[in-house]
């Protein structure tokens, strides 16, 4: 009997938790397909640009190190 009284509050907490999750899930404002495409394209473009910038900096650093080693 004592075990049943201890489980009841835990079950109510679980139910309350999942009820809260469901309520918050319904509040989410999902992006439209157009917004998602724009944001994805922007991420790809910025990633490529950052890759190019890092490559340029790395090549310049390599050339500088090679020049310093040749002195």
PDB file of N, CA and C in Angstrom:
ATOM      1  N   UNK A   1       0.808  -1.197   0.000  1.00  0.00           N
ATOM      2  CA  UNK A   1       0.000   0.000   0.000  1.00  0.00           C
ATOM      3  C   UNK A   1       0.853   1.262   0.000  1.00  0.00           C
ATOM      4  N   UNK A   2       1.917   1.225   0.749  1.00  0.00           N
ATOM      5  CA  UNK A   2       2.789   2.395   0.819  1.00  0.00           C
ATOM      6  C   UNK A   2       3.466   2.647  -0.521  1.00  0.00           C
ATOM      7  N   UNK A   3       3.772   1.581  -1.247  1.00  0.00           N
ATOM      8  CA  UNK A   3       4.425   1.729  -2.542  1.00  0.00           C
ATOM      9  C   UNK A   3       3.524   2.436  -3.544  1.00  0.00           C
ATOM     10  N   UNK A   4       2.221   2.148  -3.508  1.00  0.00           N
ATOM     11  CA  UNK A   4       1.287   2.768  -4.439  1.00  0.00           C
ATOM     12  C   UNK A   4       1.200   4.279  -4.222  1.00  0.00           C
ATOM     13  N   UNK A   5       1.257   4.707  -2.981  1.00  0.00           N
ATOM     14  CA  UNK A   5       1.157   6.141  -2.705  1.00  0.00           C
ATOM     15  C   UNK A   5       2.404   6.879  -3.182  1.00  0.00           C
ATOM     16  N   UNK A   6       3.544   6.208  -3.201  1.00  0.00           N
ATOM     17  CA  UNK A   6       4.776   6.836  -3.672  1.00  0.00           C
ATOM     18  C   UNK A   6       4.817   6.930  -5.196  1.00  0.00           C
ATOM     19  N   UNK A   7       4.232   5.961  -5.868  1.00  0.00           N
ATOM     20  CA  UNK A   7       4.250   5.957  -7.338  1.00  0.00           C
ATOM     21  C   UNK A   7       3.274   6.967  -7.928  1.00  0.00           C
ATOM     22  N   UNK A   8       2.191   7.220  -7.263  1.00  0.00           N
ATOM     23  CA  UNK A   8       1.163   8.115  -7.805  1.00  0.00           C
ATOM     24  C   UNK A   8       1.710   9.506  -8.094  1.00  0.00           C
ATOM     25  N   UNK A   9       2.443  10.153  -7.187  1.00  0.00           N
ATOM     26  CA  UNK A   9       2.973  11.484  -7.513  1.00  0.00           C
ATOM     27  C   UNK A   9       3.964  11.448  -8.671  1.00  0.00           C
ATOM     28  N   UNK A  10       4.759  10.379  -8.771  1.00  0.00           N
ATOM     29  CA  UNK A  10       5.717  10.278  -9.873  1.00  0.00           C
ATOM     30  C   UNK A  10       4.993  10.161 -11.202  1.00  0.00           C
ATOM     31  N   UNK A  11       3.926   9.379 -11.238  1.00  0.00           N
ATOM     32  CA  UNK A  11       3.165   9.229 -12.484  1.00  0.00           C
ATOM     33  C   UNK A  11       2.502  10.550 -12.874  1.00  0.00           C
ATOM     34  N   UNK A  12       2.020  11.286 -11.871  1.00  0.00           N
ATOM     35  CA  UNK A  12       1.408  12.584 -12.163  1.00  0.00           C
ATOM     36  C   UNK A  12       2.454  13.561 -12.683  1.00  0.00           C
ATOM     37  N   UNK A  13       3.674  13.494 -12.121  1.00  0.00           N
ATOM     38  CA  UNK A  13       4.741  14.372 -12.595  1.00  0.00           C
ATOM     39  C   UNK A  13       5.096  14.050 -14.035  1.00  0.00           C
ATOM     40  N   UNK A  14       5.147  12.747 -14.382  1.00  0.00           N
ATOM     41  CA  UNK A  14       5.454  12.359 -15.763  1.00  0.00           C
ATOM     42  C   UNK A  14       4.367  12.846 -16.703  1.00  0.00           C
ATOM     43  N   UNK A  15       3.106  12.653 -16.304  1.00  0.00           N
ATOM     44  CA  UNK A  15       2.001  13.090 -17.151  1.00  0.00           C
ATOM     45  C   UNK A  15       2.033  14.612 -17.311  1.00  0.00           C
ATOM     46  N   UNK A  16       2.311  15.303 -16.214  1.00  0.00           N
ATOM     47  CA  UNK A  16       2.376  16.756 -16.261  1.00  0.00           C
ATOM     48  C   UNK A  16       3.521  17.218 -17.165  1.00  0.00           C
ATOM     49  N   UNK A  17       4.657  16.520 -17.066  1.00  0.00           N
ATOM     50  CA  UNK A  17       5.804  16.863 -17.902  1.00  0.00           C
ATOM     51  C   UNK A  17       5.459  16.715 -19.376  1.00  0.00           C
ATOM     52  N   UNK A  18       4.897  15.574 -19.767  1.00  0.00           N
ATOM     53  CA  UNK A  18       4.590  15.341 -21.176  1.00  0.00           C
ATOM     54  C   UNK A  18       3.476  16.259 -21.665  1.00  0.00           C
ATOM     55  N   UNK A  19       2.558  16.607 -20.769  1.00  0.00           N
ATOM     56  CA  UNK A  19       1.514  17.559 -21.147  1.00  0.00           C
ATOM     57  C   UNK A  19       2.141  18.926 -21.438  1.00  0.00           C
ATOM     58  N   UNK A  20       3.104  19.333 -20.612  1.00  0.00           N
ATOM     59  CA  UNK A  20       3.813  20.590 -20.829  1.00  0.00           C
ATOM     60  C   UNK A  20       4.621  20.565 -22.116  1.00  0.00           C
ATOM     61  N   UNK A  21       5.261  19.426 -22.388  1.00  0.00           N
ATOM     62  CA  UNK A  21       6.027  19.292 -23.629  1.00  0.00           C
ATOM     63  C   UNK A  21       5.108  19.458 -24.830  1.00  0.00           C
ATOM     64  N   UNK A  22       3.959  18.830 -24.775  1.00  0.00           N
ATOM     65  CA  UNK A  22       3.005  18.926 -25.887  1.00  0.00           C
ATOM     66  C   UNK A  22       2.522  20.365 -26.073  1.00  0.00           C
ATOM     67  N   UNK A  23       2.260  21.055 -24.978  1.00  0.00           N
ATOM     68  CA  UNK A  23       1.812  22.447 -25.070  1.00  0.00           C
ATOM     69  C   UNK A  23       2.896  23.330 -25.685  1.00  0.00           C
ATOM     70  N   UNK A  24       4.137  23.147 -25.261  1.00  0.00           N
ATOM     71  CA  UNK A  24       5.240  23.945 -25.808  1.00  0.00           C
ATOM     72  C   UNK A  24       5.490  23.595 -27.274  1.00  0.00           C
ATOM     73  N   UNK A  25       5.352  22.323 -27.617  1.00  0.00           N
ATOM     74  CA  UNK A  25       5.550  21.873 -28.997  1.00  0.00           C
ATOM     75  C   UNK A  25       4.552  22.565 -29.922  1.00  0.00           C
ATOM     76  N   UNK A  26       3.331  22.742 -29.445  1.00  0.00           N
ATOM     77  CA  UNK A  26       2.308  23.391 -30.261  1.00  0.00           C
ATOM     78  C   UNK A  26       2.558  24.892 -30.419  1.00  0.00           C
ATOM     79  N   UNK A  27       3.375  25.490 -29.545  1.00  0.00           N
ATOM     80  CA  UNK A  27       3.684  26.912 -29.625  1.00  0.00           C
ATOM     81  C   UNK A  27       4.795  27.212 -30.633  1.00  0.00           C
ATOM     82  N   UNK A  28       5.486  26.194 -31.075  1.00  0.00           N
ATOM     83  CA  UNK A  28       6.617  26.400 -31.976  1.00  0.00           C
ATOM     84  C   UNK A  28       6.122  26.954 -33.303  1.00  0.00           C
ATOM     85  N   UNK A  29       6.802  27.978 -33.781  1.00  0.00           N
ATOM     86  CA  UNK A  29       6.473  28.554 -35.082  1.00  0.00           C
ATOM     87  C   UNK A  29       7.544  28.059 -36.061  1.00  0.00           C
ATOM     88  N   UNK A  30       7.209  27.065 -36.855  1.00  0.00           N
ATOM     89  CA  UNK A  30       8.150  26.451 -37.771  1.00  0.00           C
ATOM     90  C   UNK A  30       8.385  27.367 -38.969  1.00  0.00           C
ATOM     91  N   UNK A  31       9.605  27.378 -39.506  1.00  0.00           N
ATOM     92  CA  UNK A  31       9.891  28.233 -40.665  1.00  0.00           C
ATOM     93  C   UNK A  31       9.184  27.700 -41.918  1.00  0.00           C
ATOM     94  N   UNK A  32       8.892  28.614 -42.831  1.00  0.00           N
ATOM     95  CA  UNK A  32       8.271  28.200 -44.083  1.00  0.00           C
ATOM     96  C   UNK A  32       9.343  27.553 -44.975  1.00  0.00           C
ATOM     97  N   UNK A  33       8.901  26.895 -46.011  1.00  0.00           N
ATOM     98  CA  UNK A  33       9.829  26.230 -46.923  1.00  0.00           C
ATOM     99  C   UNK A  33      10.747  27.262 -47.588  1.00  0.00           C
ATOM    100  N   UNK A  34      10.188  28.402 -47.969  1.00  0.00           N
ATOM    101  CA  UNK A  34      11.007  29.449 -48.596  1.00  0.00           C
ATOM    102  C   UNK A  34      12.082  29.967 -47.636  1.00  0.00           C
ATOM    103  N   UNK A  35      11.696  30.222 -46.384  1.00  0.00           N
ATOM    104  CA  UNK A  35      12.676  30.684 -45.391  1.00  0.00           C
ATOM    105  C   UNK A  35      13.761  29.631 -45.181  1.00  0.00           C
ATOM    106  N   UNK A  36      13.351  28.381 -45.124  1.00  0.00           N
ATOM    107  CA  UNK A  36      14.310  27.294 -44.911  1.00  0.00           C
ATOM    108  C   UNK A  36      15.295  27.201 -46.072  1.00  0.00           C
ATOM    109  N   UNK A  37      14.801  27.358 -47.304  1.00  0.00           N
ATOM    110  CA  UNK A  37      15.675  27.322 -48.476  1.00  0.00           C
ATOM    111  C   UNK A  37      16.661  28.490 -48.460  1.00  0.00           C
ATOM    112  N   UNK A  38      16.179  29.685 -48.115  1.00  0.00           N
ATOM    113  CA  UNK A  38      17.045  30.862 -48.065  1.00  0.00           C
ATOM    114  C   UNK A  38      18.137  30.692 -47.010  1.00  0.00           C
ATOM    115  N   UNK A  39      17.745  30.224 -45.844  1.00  0.00           N
ATOM    116  CA  UNK A  39      18.713  30.055 -44.761  1.00  0.00           C
ATOM    117  C   UNK A  39      19.732  28.967 -45.086  1.00  0.00           C
ATOM    118  N   UNK A  40      19.272  27.887 -45.701  1.00  0.00           N
ATOM    119  CA  UNK A  40      20.185  26.809 -46.074  1.00  0.00           C
ATOM    120  C   UNK A  40      21.175  27.296 -47.122  1.00  0.00           C
ATOM    121  N   UNK A  41      20.681  28.030 -48.112  1.00  0.00           N
ATOM    122  CA  UNK A  41      21.561  28.583 -49.140  1.00  0.00           C
ATOM    123  C   UNK A  41      22.597  29.526 -48.547  1.00  0.00           C
ATOM    124  N   UNK A  42      22.166  30.349 -47.613  1.00  0.00           N
ATOM    125  CA  UNK A  42      23.077  31.283 -46.957  1.00  0.00           C
ATOM    126  C   UNK A  42      24.161  30.542 -46.170  1.00  0.00           C
ATOM    127  N   UNK A  43      23.785  29.487 -45.479  1.00  0.00           N
ATOM    128  CA  UNK A  43      24.763  28.691 -44.726  1.00  0.00           C
ATOM    129  C   UNK A  43      25.779  28.068 -45.670  1.00  0.00           C
ATOM    130  N   UNK A  44      25.320  27.549 -46.805  1.00  0.00           N
ATOM    131  CA  UNK A  44      26.232  26.937 -47.770  1.00  0.00           C
ATOM    132  C   UNK A  44      27.192  27.987 -48.331  1.00  0.00           C
ATOM    133  N   UNK A  45      26.673  29.142 -48.719  1.00  0.00           N
ATOM    134  CA  UNK A  45      27.510  30.201 -49.286  1.00  0.00           C
ATOM    135  C   UNK A  45      28.546  30.674 -48.268  1.00  0.00           C
ATOM    136  N   UNK A  46      28.124  30.924 -47.045  1.00  0.00           N
ATOM    137  CA  UNK A  46      29.058  31.384 -46.019  1.00  0.00           C
ATOM    138  C   UNK A  46      30.106  30.304 -45.718  1.00  0.00           C
ATOM    139  N   UNK A  47      29.700  29.045 -45.701  1.00  0.00           N
ATOM    140  CA  UNK A  47      30.654  27.962 -45.455  1.00  0.00           C
ATOM    141  C   UNK A  47      31.708  27.892 -46.546  1.00  0.00           C
ATOM    142  N   UNK A  48      31.291  28.037 -47.806  1.00  0.00           N
ATOM    143  CA  UNK A  48      32.242  28.014 -48.922  1.00  0.00           C
ATOM    144  C   UNK A  48      33.184  29.213 -48.828  1.00  0.00           C
ATOM    145  N   UNK A  49      32.632  30.392 -48.556  1.00  0.00           N
ATOM    146  CA  UNK A  49      33.471  31.584 -48.426  1.00  0.00           C
ATOM    147  C   UNK A  49      34.482  31.442 -47.285  1.00  0.00           C
ATOM    148  N   UNK A  50      34.045  30.918 -46.171  1.00  0.00           N
ATOM    149  CA  UNK A  50      34.967  30.720 -45.050  1.00  0.00           C
ATOM    150  C   UNK A  50      36.050  29.709 -45.417  1.00  0.00           C
ATOM    151  N   UNK A  51      35.695  28.676 -46.171  1.00  0.00           N
ATOM    152  CA  UNK A  51      36.685  27.708 -46.629  1.00  0.00           C
ATOM    153  C   UNK A  51      37.723  28.354 -47.520  1.00  0.00           C
ATOM    154  N   UNK A  52      37.273  29.222 -48.419  1.00  0.00           N
ATOM    155  CA  UNK A  52      38.199  29.925 -49.315  1.00  0.00           C
ATOM    156  C   UNK A  52      39.114  30.855 -48.511  1.00  0.00           C
ATOM    157  N   UNK A  53      38.540  31.592 -47.577  1.00  0.00           N
ATOM    158  CA  UNK A  53      39.337  32.507 -46.750  1.00  0.00           C
ATOM    159  C   UNK A  53      40.376  31.736 -45.942  1.00  0.00           C
ATOM    160  N   UNK A  54      39.978  30.640 -45.341  1.00  0.00           N
ATOM    161  CA  UNK A  54      40.919  29.830 -44.557  1.00  0.00           C
ATOM    162  C   UNK A  54      42.013  29.265 -45.445  1.00  0.00           C
ATOM    163  N   UNK A  55      41.653  28.842 -46.650  1.00  0.00           N
ATOM    164  CA  UNK A  55      42.657  28.322 -47.584  1.00  0.00           C
ATOM    165  C   UNK A  55      43.670  29.403 -47.958  1.00  0.00           C
ATOM    166  N   UNK A  56      43.197  30.612 -48.225  1.00  0.00           N
ATOM    167  CA  UNK A  56      44.086  31.721 -48.580  1.00  0.00           C
ATOM    168  C   UNK A  56      45.029  32.035 -47.407  1.00  0.00           C
ATOM    169  N   UNK A  57      44.475  32.134 -46.209  1.00  0.00           N
ATOM    170  CA  UNK A  57      45.307  32.429 -45.035  1.00  0.00           C
ATOM    171  C   UNK A  57      46.323  31.316 -44.798  1.00  0.00           C
ATOM    172  N   UNK A  58      45.906  30.073 -44.952  1.00  0.00           N
ATOM    173  CA  UNK A  58      46.811  28.942 -44.756  1.00  0.00           C
ATOM    174  C   UNK A  58      47.932  28.952 -45.792  1.00  0.00           C
ATOM    175  N   UNK A  59      47.584  29.222 -47.038  1.00  0.00           N
ATOM    176  CA  UNK A  59      48.605  29.272 -48.092  1.00  0.00           C
ATOM    177  C   UNK A  59      49.588  30.415 -47.846  1.00  0.00           C
ATOM    178  N   UNK A  60      49.079  31.568 -47.424  1.00  0.00           N
ATOM    179  CA  UNK A  60      49.948  32.705 -47.131  1.00  0.00           C
ATOM    180  C   UNK A  60      50.875  32.374 -45.957  1.00  0.00           C
ATOM    181  N   UNK A  61      50.349  31.732 -44.941  1.00  0.00           N
ATOM    182  CA  UNK A  61      51.173  31.361 -43.788  1.00  0.00           C
ATOM    183  C   UNK A  61      52.239  30.348 -44.201  1.00  0.00           C
ATOM    184  N   UNK A  62      51.877  29.412 -45.057  1.00  0.00           N
ATOM    185  CA  UNK A  62      52.840  28.424 -45.540  1.00  0.00           C
ATOM    186  C   UNK A  62      53.958  29.101 -46.333  1.00  0.00           C
ATOM    187  N   UNK A  63      53.579  30.025 -47.204  1.00  0.00           N
ATOM    188  CA  UNK A  63      54.585  30.750 -47.981  1.00  0.00           C
ATOM    189  C   UNK A  63      55.508  31.561 -47.068  1.00  0.00           C
ATOM    190  N   UNK A  64      54.942  32.188 -46.047  1.00  0.00           N
ATOM    191  CA  UNK A  64      55.737  32.958 -45.101  1.00  0.00           C
ATOM    192  C   UNK A  64      56.714  32.055 -44.344  1.00  0.00           C
ATOM    193  N   UNK A  65      56.247  30.916 -43.902  1.00  0.00           N
ATOM    194  CA  UNK A  65      57.117  29.980 -43.180  1.00  0.00           C
ATOM    195  C   UNK A  65      58.210  29.467 -44.108  1.00  0.00           C
ATOM    196  N   UNK A  66      57.854  29.128 -45.333  1.00  0.00           N
ATOM    197  CA  UNK A  66      58.877  28.659 -46.285  1.00  0.00           C
ATOM    198  C   UNK A  66      59.909  29.755 -46.567  1.00  0.00           C
ATOM    199  N   UNK A  67      59.458  30.983 -46.699  1.00  0.00           N
ATOM    200  CA  UNK A  67      60.369  32.097 -46.928  1.00  0.00           C
ATOM    201  C   UNK A  67      61.293  32.300 -45.739  1.00  0.00           C
ATOM    202  N   UNK A  68      60.728  32.220 -44.525  1.00  0.00           N
ATOM    203  CA  UNK A  68      61.539  32.381 -43.315  1.00  0.00           C
ATOM    204  C   UNK A  68      62.553  31.254 -43.165  1.00  0.00           C
ATOM    205  N   UNK A  69      62.181  30.052 -43.571  1.00  0.00           N
ATOM    206  CA  UNK A  69      63.088  28.904 -43.478  1.00  0.00           C
ATOM    207  C   UNK A  69      64.214  28.989 -44.494  1.00  0.00           C
ATOM    208  N   UNK A  70      63.989  29.697 -45.601  1.00  0.00           N
ATOM    209  CA  UNK A  70      64.999  29.800 -46.643  1.00  0.00           C
ATOM    210  C   UNK A  70      66.038  30.883 -46.335  1.00  0.00           C
ATOM    211  N   UNK A  71      65.758  31.715 -45.399  1.00  0.00           N
ATOM    212  CA  UNK A  71      66.683  32.809 -45.055  1.00  0.00           C
ATOM    213  C   UNK A  71      67.879  32.252 -44.303  1.00  0.00           C
TER     214      UNK A  71
END
